[in-house]
Amino acid sequence: MEILYEDKYIAVILKPVGADSEHQVPELLRQQLGGAFYPVHRLDVNVGGVMVYGRSSAAAAELSRQITDGRFVKEYVATVHGTPPPEGDWEDLLFKDSRKNKVFVVKKQRAGVKQARLCYQRLTQGERSLVRIRLYTGRSHQIRVQFASRGFPLVGDHKYGSKAAETAPMLYSCCLRFEHLGESCCFESLPSWAQ
């Protein structure tokens, strides 16, 4: 597993597609670097990209505080079917059906419904368009559902409407920005399909 940065407090890595970010990745890091690793955020198993882990519960708690305060920036790239508008700021109410492990956009607030917000910019256009997304809330399947609900499912995301041959959503965590040891840090990586 590729490590972008590590010190005694945190490790920033490129999560491979197919690895579980809450259990498998911390174990892989323990084998590679030694010690304990605490998840701060998560990525779906079938999504890869930049992630950060605390090397202590205190370091993880500090990063979690930055997420809560809106000081931790998460950006993604995705390839979607169709051509969405050049940019957007989307807010939706999302409901997760845990039995089906599927998320739906709903119209009214009720028990189990959470607000979700993202902004995006379209980078290319056509039958398949590349978009760069900033996530403001980290809801389950959020990017996948918000794009699919508007008629632009992620290429390869068969759960939310893609009919493409790809077997996993073309979604990648491409940038994390947060404060560490009093400095602003930025870690970026792009998958081959977004370069």
C-alpha atoms as a PDB file:
ATOM      1  CA  MET A   1       0.000   0.000   0.000  1.00  0.00           C
ATOM      2  CA  GLU A   2       1.406   3.374  -0.979  1.00  0.00           C
ATOM      3  CA  ILE A   3       2.138   5.740   1.900  1.00  0.00           C
ATOM      4  CA  LEU A   4       2.173   9.434   0.995  1.00  0.00           C
ATOM      5  CA  TYR A   5       3.240  10.709   4.430  1.00  0.00           C
ATOM      6  CA  GLU A   6       3.780   9.368   7.911  1.00  0.00           C
ATOM      7  CA  ASP A   7       5.035  10.581  11.246  1.00  0.00           C
ATOM      8  CA  LYS A   8       4.395   9.534  14.841  1.00  0.00           C
ATOM      9  CA  TYR A   9       0.895  11.092  14.783  1.00  0.00           C
ATOM     10  CA  ILE A  10      -0.682  10.274  11.389  1.00  0.00           C
ATOM     11  CA  ALA A  11      -0.315   8.242   8.199  1.00  0.00           C
ATOM     12  CA  VAL A  12      -1.642   9.429   4.828  1.00  0.00           C
ATOM     13  CA  ILE A  13      -2.102   6.608   2.339  1.00  0.00           C
ATOM     14  CA  LEU A  14      -3.590   5.662  -1.015  1.00  0.00           C
ATOM     15  CA  LYS A  15      -6.322   3.160  -0.206  1.00  0.00           C
ATOM     16  CA  PRO A  16      -6.518   0.433  -2.844  1.00  0.00           C
ATOM     17  CA  VAL A  17      -9.892  -0.450  -4.375  1.00  0.00           C
ATOM     18  CA  GLY A  18     -11.201  -3.606  -2.688  1.00  0.00           C
ATOM     19  CA  ALA A  19      -9.803  -2.916   0.797  1.00  0.00           C
ATOM     20  CA  ASP A  20     -12.124  -2.151   3.712  1.00  0.00           C
ATOM     21  CA  SER A  21     -11.083   1.242   5.125  1.00  0.00           C
ATOM     22  CA  GLU A  22     -12.210   0.548   8.704  1.00  0.00           C
ATOM     23  CA  HIS A  23     -10.647  -2.889   9.294  1.00  0.00           C
ATOM     24  CA  GLN A  24      -8.372  -4.147   6.508  1.00  0.00           C
ATOM     25  CA  VAL A  25      -6.448  -0.912   5.894  1.00  0.00           C
ATOM     26  CA  PRO A  26      -5.549  -0.335   9.588  1.00  0.00           C
ATOM     27  CA  GLU A  27      -4.327  -3.948   9.728  1.00  0.00           C
ATOM     28  CA  LEU A  28      -2.259  -3.494   6.545  1.00  0.00           C
ATOM     29  CA  LEU A  29      -0.770  -0.318   8.037  1.00  0.00           C
ATOM     30  CA  ARG A  30       0.017  -2.111  11.295  1.00  0.00           C
ATOM     31  CA  GLN A  31       1.857  -4.807   9.319  1.00  0.00           C
ATOM     32  CA  GLN A  32       3.709  -2.223   7.227  1.00  0.00           C
ATOM     33  CA  LEU A  33       4.567   0.425   9.860  1.00  0.00           C
ATOM     34  CA  GLY A  34       3.821  -1.151  13.245  1.00  0.00           C
ATOM     35  CA  GLY A  35       1.571   0.286  15.940  1.00  0.00           C
ATOM     36  CA  ALA A  36      -2.131   1.073  15.950  1.00  0.00           C
ATOM     37  CA  PHE A  37      -4.108   3.053  13.353  1.00  0.00           C
ATOM     38  CA  TYR A  38      -7.418   4.786  13.926  1.00  0.00           C
ATOM     39  CA  PRO A  39      -9.842   5.576  11.071  1.00  0.00           C
ATOM     40  CA  VAL A  40     -10.930   9.221  10.817  1.00  0.00           C
ATOM     41  CA  HIS A  41     -13.143   8.958   7.723  1.00  0.00           C
ATOM     42  CA  ARG A  42     -14.134   6.092   5.442  1.00  0.00           C
ATOM     43  CA  LEU A  43     -14.297   5.104   1.793  1.00  0.00           C
ATOM     44  CA  ASP A  44     -16.500   2.388   0.317  1.00  0.00           C
ATOM     45  CA  VAL A  45     -14.670  -0.889  -0.327  1.00  0.00           C
ATOM     46  CA  ASN A  46     -14.951  -0.384  -4.107  1.00  0.00           C
ATOM     47  CA  VAL A  47     -13.504   3.173  -3.974  1.00  0.00           C
ATOM     48  CA  GLY A  48      -9.809   4.066  -3.679  1.00  0.00           C
ATOM     49  CA  GLY A  49      -7.772   7.162  -2.982  1.00  0.00           C
ATOM     50  CA  VAL A  50      -6.226   9.434  -0.386  1.00  0.00           C
ATOM     51  CA  MET A  51      -7.037   8.703   3.274  1.00  0.00           C
ATOM     52  CA  VAL A  52      -5.562   9.734   6.622  1.00  0.00           C
ATOM     53  CA  TYR A  53      -5.353   7.633   9.787  1.00  0.00           C
ATOM     54  CA  GLY A  54      -4.468   8.696  13.318  1.00  0.00           C
ATOM     55  CA  ARG A  55      -1.676   6.773  15.000  1.00  0.00           C
ATOM     56  CA  SER A  56      -3.279   7.431  18.384  1.00  0.00           C
ATOM     57  CA  SER A  57      -6.837   8.011  19.549  1.00  0.00           C
ATOM     58  CA  ALA A  58      -5.870  11.628  20.391  1.00  0.00           C
ATOM     59  CA  ALA A  59      -4.543  12.277  16.857  1.00  0.00           C
ATOM     60  CA  ALA A  60      -7.687  10.726  15.338  1.00  0.00           C
ATOM     61  CA  ALA A  61      -9.879  12.830  17.646  1.00  0.00           C
ATOM     62  CA  GLU A  62      -8.117  16.034  16.513  1.00  0.00           C
ATOM     63  CA  LEU A  63      -8.730  15.190  12.851  1.00  0.00           C
ATOM     64  CA  SER A  64     -12.346  14.291  13.656  1.00  0.00           C
ATOM     65  CA  ARG A  65     -12.770  17.718  15.299  1.00  0.00           C
ATOM     66  CA  GLN A  66     -11.547  19.359  12.094  1.00  0.00           C
ATOM     67  CA  ILE A  67     -14.146  17.364  10.122  1.00  0.00           C
ATOM     68  CA  THR A  68     -16.900  18.459  12.532  1.00  0.00           C
ATOM     69  CA  ASP A  69     -15.743  22.103  12.349  1.00  0.00           C
ATOM     70  CA  GLY A  70     -15.615  22.074   8.538  1.00  0.00           C
ATOM     71  CA  ARG A  71     -11.832  22.630   8.447  1.00  0.00           C
ATOM     72  CA  PHE A  72     -11.061  19.222   6.894  1.00  0.00           C
ATOM     73  CA  VAL A  73     -11.533  19.340   3.094  1.00  0.00           C
ATOM     74  CA  LYS A  74     -12.288  16.176   1.089  1.00  0.00           C
ATOM     75  CA  GLU A  75     -12.317  16.249  -2.715  1.00  0.00           C
ATOM     76  CA  TYR A  76     -13.058  13.501  -5.204  1.00  0.00           C
ATOM     77  CA  VAL A  77     -12.986  12.895  -8.949  1.00  0.00           C
ATOM     78  CA  ALA A  78     -15.672  10.829 -10.647  1.00  0.00           C
ATOM     79  CA  THR A  79     -16.698   9.841 -14.149  1.00  0.00           C
ATOM     80  CA  VAL A  80     -20.449  10.113 -14.635  1.00  0.00           C
ATOM     81  CA  HIS A  81     -22.819   9.136 -17.438  1.00  0.00           C
ATOM     82  CA  GLY A  82     -24.021  12.137 -19.442  1.00  0.00           C
ATOM     83  CA  THR A  83     -23.135  15.819 -19.126  1.00  0.00           C
ATOM     84  CA  PRO A  84     -24.154  17.528 -15.890  1.00  0.00           C
ATOM     85  CA  PRO A  85     -24.263  21.352 -15.738  1.00  0.00           C
ATOM     86  CA  PRO A  86     -20.790  22.985 -15.626  1.00  0.00           C
ATOM     87  CA  GLU A  87     -20.950  23.330 -11.833  1.00  0.00           C
ATOM     88  CA  GLY A  88     -23.335  22.757  -8.979  1.00  0.00           C
ATOM     89  CA  ASP A  89     -23.949  23.107  -5.241  1.00  0.00           C
ATOM     90  CA  TRP A  90     -26.356  20.325  -4.321  1.00  0.00           C
ATOM     91  CA  GLU A  91     -28.177  19.828  -1.030  1.00  0.00           C
ATOM     92  CA  ASP A  92     -30.409  16.811  -0.489  1.00  0.00           C
ATOM     93  CA  LEU A  93     -32.049  14.795   2.257  1.00  0.00           C
ATOM     94  CA  LEU A  94     -30.753  11.213   2.220  1.00  0.00           C
ATOM     95  CA  PHE A  95     -32.216   8.108   3.809  1.00  0.00           C
ATOM     96  CA  LYS A  96     -30.233   4.876   4.129  1.00  0.00           C
ATOM     97  CA  ASP A  97     -32.084   1.579   3.940  1.00  0.00           C
ATOM     98  CA  SER A  98     -29.657  -0.550   5.957  1.00  0.00           C
ATOM     99  CA  ARG A  99     -31.351  -3.831   4.973  1.00  0.00           C
ATOM    100  CA  LYS A 100     -30.704  -3.159   1.278  1.00  0.00           C
ATOM    101  CA  ASN A 101     -27.488  -1.141   1.879  1.00  0.00           C
ATOM    102  CA  LYS A 102     -28.901   1.485  -0.447  1.00  0.00           C
ATOM    103  CA  VAL A 103     -29.434   5.222  -0.027  1.00  0.00           C
ATOM    104  CA  PHE A 104     -32.318   7.287  -1.378  1.00  0.00           C
ATOM    105  CA  VAL A 105     -33.003  11.004  -1.846  1.00  0.00           C
ATOM    106  CA  VAL A 106     -36.211  11.870   0.028  1.00  0.00           C
ATOM    107  CA  LYS A 107     -38.320  15.024   0.148  1.00  0.00           C
ATOM    108  CA  LYS A 108     -39.100  15.363   3.873  1.00  0.00           C
ATOM    109  CA  GLN A 109     -37.116  15.272   7.097  1.00  0.00           C
ATOM    110  CA  ARG A 110     -37.961  12.257   9.255  1.00  0.00           C
ATOM    111  CA  ALA A 111     -36.202   9.755  11.517  1.00  0.00           C
ATOM    112  CA  GLY A 112     -33.011   8.455   9.899  1.00  0.00           C
ATOM    113  CA  VAL A 113     -32.873  11.195   7.247  1.00  0.00           C
ATOM    114  CA  LYS A 114     -29.653  13.229   7.017  1.00  0.00           C
ATOM    115  CA  GLN A 115     -28.770  16.389   5.156  1.00  0.00           C
ATOM    116  CA  ALA A 116     -26.110  16.050   2.461  1.00  0.00           C
ATOM    117  CA  ARG A 117     -24.196  18.732   0.576  1.00  0.00           C
ATOM    118  CA  LEU A 118     -21.575  18.721  -2.150  1.00  0.00           C
ATOM    119  CA  CYS A 119     -20.221  21.141  -4.767  1.00  0.00           C
ATOM    120  CA  TYR A 120     -18.741  20.055  -8.061  1.00  0.00           C
ATOM    121  CA  GLN A 121     -17.134  21.336 -11.240  1.00  0.00           C
ATOM    122  CA  ARG A 122     -17.386  19.535 -14.563  1.00  0.00           C
ATOM    123  CA  LEU A 123     -13.906  19.038 -16.069  1.00  0.00           C
ATOM    124  CA  THR A 124     -14.853  17.259 -19.317  1.00  0.00           C
ATOM    125  CA  GLN A 125     -18.136  16.608 -21.084  1.00  0.00           C
ATOM    126  CA  GLY A 126     -19.674  13.986 -23.343  1.00  0.00           C
ATOM    127  CA  GLU A 127     -21.376  10.618 -22.958  1.00  0.00           C
ATOM    128  CA  ARG A 128     -19.046  10.305 -19.974  1.00  0.00           C
ATOM    129  CA  SER A 129     -18.009  13.428 -18.064  1.00  0.00           C
ATOM    130  CA  LEU A 130     -15.258  13.901 -15.502  1.00  0.00           C
ATOM    131  CA  VAL A 131     -16.230  15.924 -12.419  1.00  0.00           C
ATOM    132  CA  ARG A 132     -14.311  17.152  -9.376  1.00  0.00           C
ATOM    133  CA  ILE A 133     -16.332  17.187  -6.177  1.00  0.00           C
ATOM    134  CA  ARG A 134     -15.943  18.809  -2.786  1.00  0.00           C
ATOM    135  CA  LEU A 135     -17.821  16.947  -0.093  1.00  0.00           C
ATOM    136  CA  TYR A 136     -19.234  19.012   2.784  1.00  0.00           C
ATOM    137  CA  THR A 137     -20.994  16.110   4.521  1.00  0.00           C
ATOM    138  CA  GLY A 138     -19.831  12.521   4.592  1.00  0.00           C
ATOM    139  CA  ARG A 139     -23.000  10.480   4.122  1.00  0.00           C
ATOM    140  CA  SER A 140     -23.030   6.856   3.032  1.00  0.00           C
ATOM    141  CA  HIS A 141     -22.917   6.587  -0.793  1.00  0.00           C
ATOM    142  CA  GLN A 142     -23.514  10.360  -0.903  1.00  0.00           C
ATOM    143  CA  ILE A 143     -21.757  11.269  -4.173  1.00  0.00           C
ATOM    144  CA  ARG A 144     -23.114   8.189  -5.904  1.00  0.00           C
ATOM    145  CA  VAL A 145     -26.720   8.913  -4.868  1.00  0.00           C
ATOM    146  CA  GLN A 146     -26.699  12.666  -5.455  1.00  0.00           C
ATOM    147  CA  PHE A 147     -25.429  12.286  -9.027  1.00  0.00           C
ATOM    148  CA  ALA A 148     -27.628   9.272  -9.834  1.00  0.00           C
ATOM    149  CA  SER A 149     -30.759  11.027  -8.529  1.00  0.00           C
ATOM    150  CA  ARG A 150     -30.201  13.763 -11.143  1.00  0.00           C
ATOM    151  CA  GLY A 151     -29.720  11.321 -14.016  1.00  0.00           C
ATOM    152  CA  PHE A 152     -25.889  11.187 -13.953  1.00  0.00           C
ATOM    153  CA  PRO A 153     -24.970   7.863 -12.319  1.00  0.00           C
ATOM    154  CA  LEU A 154     -21.290   7.156 -11.799  1.00  0.00           C
ATOM    155  CA  VAL A 155     -19.817   4.957 -14.510  1.00  0.00           C
ATOM    156  CA  GLY A 156     -19.521   1.409 -13.126  1.00  0.00           C
ATOM    157  CA  ASP A 157     -21.933   2.039 -10.221  1.00  0.00           C
ATOM    158  CA  HIS A 158     -24.454  -0.726 -10.926  1.00  0.00           C
ATOM    159  CA  LYS A 159     -26.186  -0.227  -7.564  1.00  0.00           C
ATOM    160  CA  TYR A 160     -27.293   3.256  -8.673  1.00  0.00           C
ATOM    161  CA  GLY A 161     -28.080   2.819 -12.353  1.00  0.00           C
ATOM    162  CA  SER A 162     -24.893   2.429 -14.422  1.00  0.00           C
ATOM    163  CA  LYS A 163     -25.062  -0.132 -17.234  1.00  0.00           C
ATOM    164  CA  ALA A 164     -21.345   0.239 -18.096  1.00  0.00           C
ATOM    165  CA  ALA A 165     -18.957  -2.714 -18.241  1.00  0.00           C
ATOM    166  CA  GLU A 166     -16.788  -1.336 -15.411  1.00  0.00           C
ATOM    167  CA  THR A 167     -17.250  -3.342 -12.216  1.00  0.00           C
ATOM    168  CA  ALA A 168     -16.709  -0.545  -9.651  1.00  0.00           C
ATOM    169  CA  PRO A 169     -17.797   3.099  -9.492  1.00  0.00           C
ATOM    170  CA  MET A 170     -15.334   5.459 -11.166  1.00  0.00           C
ATOM    171  CA  LEU A 171     -14.911   7.478  -7.969  1.00  0.00           C
ATOM    172  CA  TYR A 172     -11.626   8.374  -6.274  1.00  0.00           C
ATOM    173  CA  SER A 173     -10.644  10.386  -3.197  1.00  0.00           C
ATOM    174  CA  CYS A 174      -8.168  12.754  -4.860  1.00  0.00           C
ATOM    175  CA  CYS A 175      -7.392  15.437  -2.250  1.00  0.00           C
ATOM    176  CA  LEU A 176      -7.344  15.930   1.522  1.00  0.00           C
ATOM    177  CA  ARG A 177      -6.580  19.266   3.200  1.00  0.00           C
ATOM    178  CA  PHE A 178      -6.285  19.616   6.955  1.00  0.00           C
ATOM    179  CA  GLU A 179      -4.168  21.166   9.687  1.00  0.00           C
ATOM    180  CA  HIS A 180      -1.354  19.138  11.211  1.00  0.00           C
ATOM    181  CA  LEU A 181       1.196  20.323  13.766  1.00  0.00           C
ATOM    182  CA  GLY A 182       0.143  23.941  13.191  1.00  0.00           C
ATOM    183  CA  GLU A 183       0.520  23.800   9.412  1.00  0.00           C
ATOM    184  CA  SER A 184      -1.916  23.461   6.540  1.00  0.00           C
ATOM    185  CA  CYS A 185      -1.349  20.153   4.728  1.00  0.00           C
ATOM    186  CA  CYS A 186      -2.575  19.069   1.301  1.00  0.00           C
ATOM    187  CA  PHE A 187      -2.244  15.573  -0.150  1.00  0.00           C
ATOM    188  CA  GLU A 188      -3.315  14.884  -3.745  1.00  0.00           C
ATOM    189  CA  SER A 189      -3.375  11.942  -6.127  1.00  0.00           C
ATOM    190  CA  LEU A 190      -5.295  11.233  -9.339  1.00  0.00           C
ATOM    191  CA  PRO A 191      -6.199   7.835 -10.789  1.00  0.00           C
ATOM    192  CA  SER A 192      -5.011   7.055 -14.313  1.00  0.00           C
ATOM    193  CA  TRP A 193      -8.537   7.539 -15.721  1.00  0.00           C
ATOM    194  CA  ALA A 194      -8.663  11.154 -14.461  1.00  0.00           C
ATOM    195  CA  GLN A 195      -5.266  12.360 -15.747  1.00  0.00           C
END
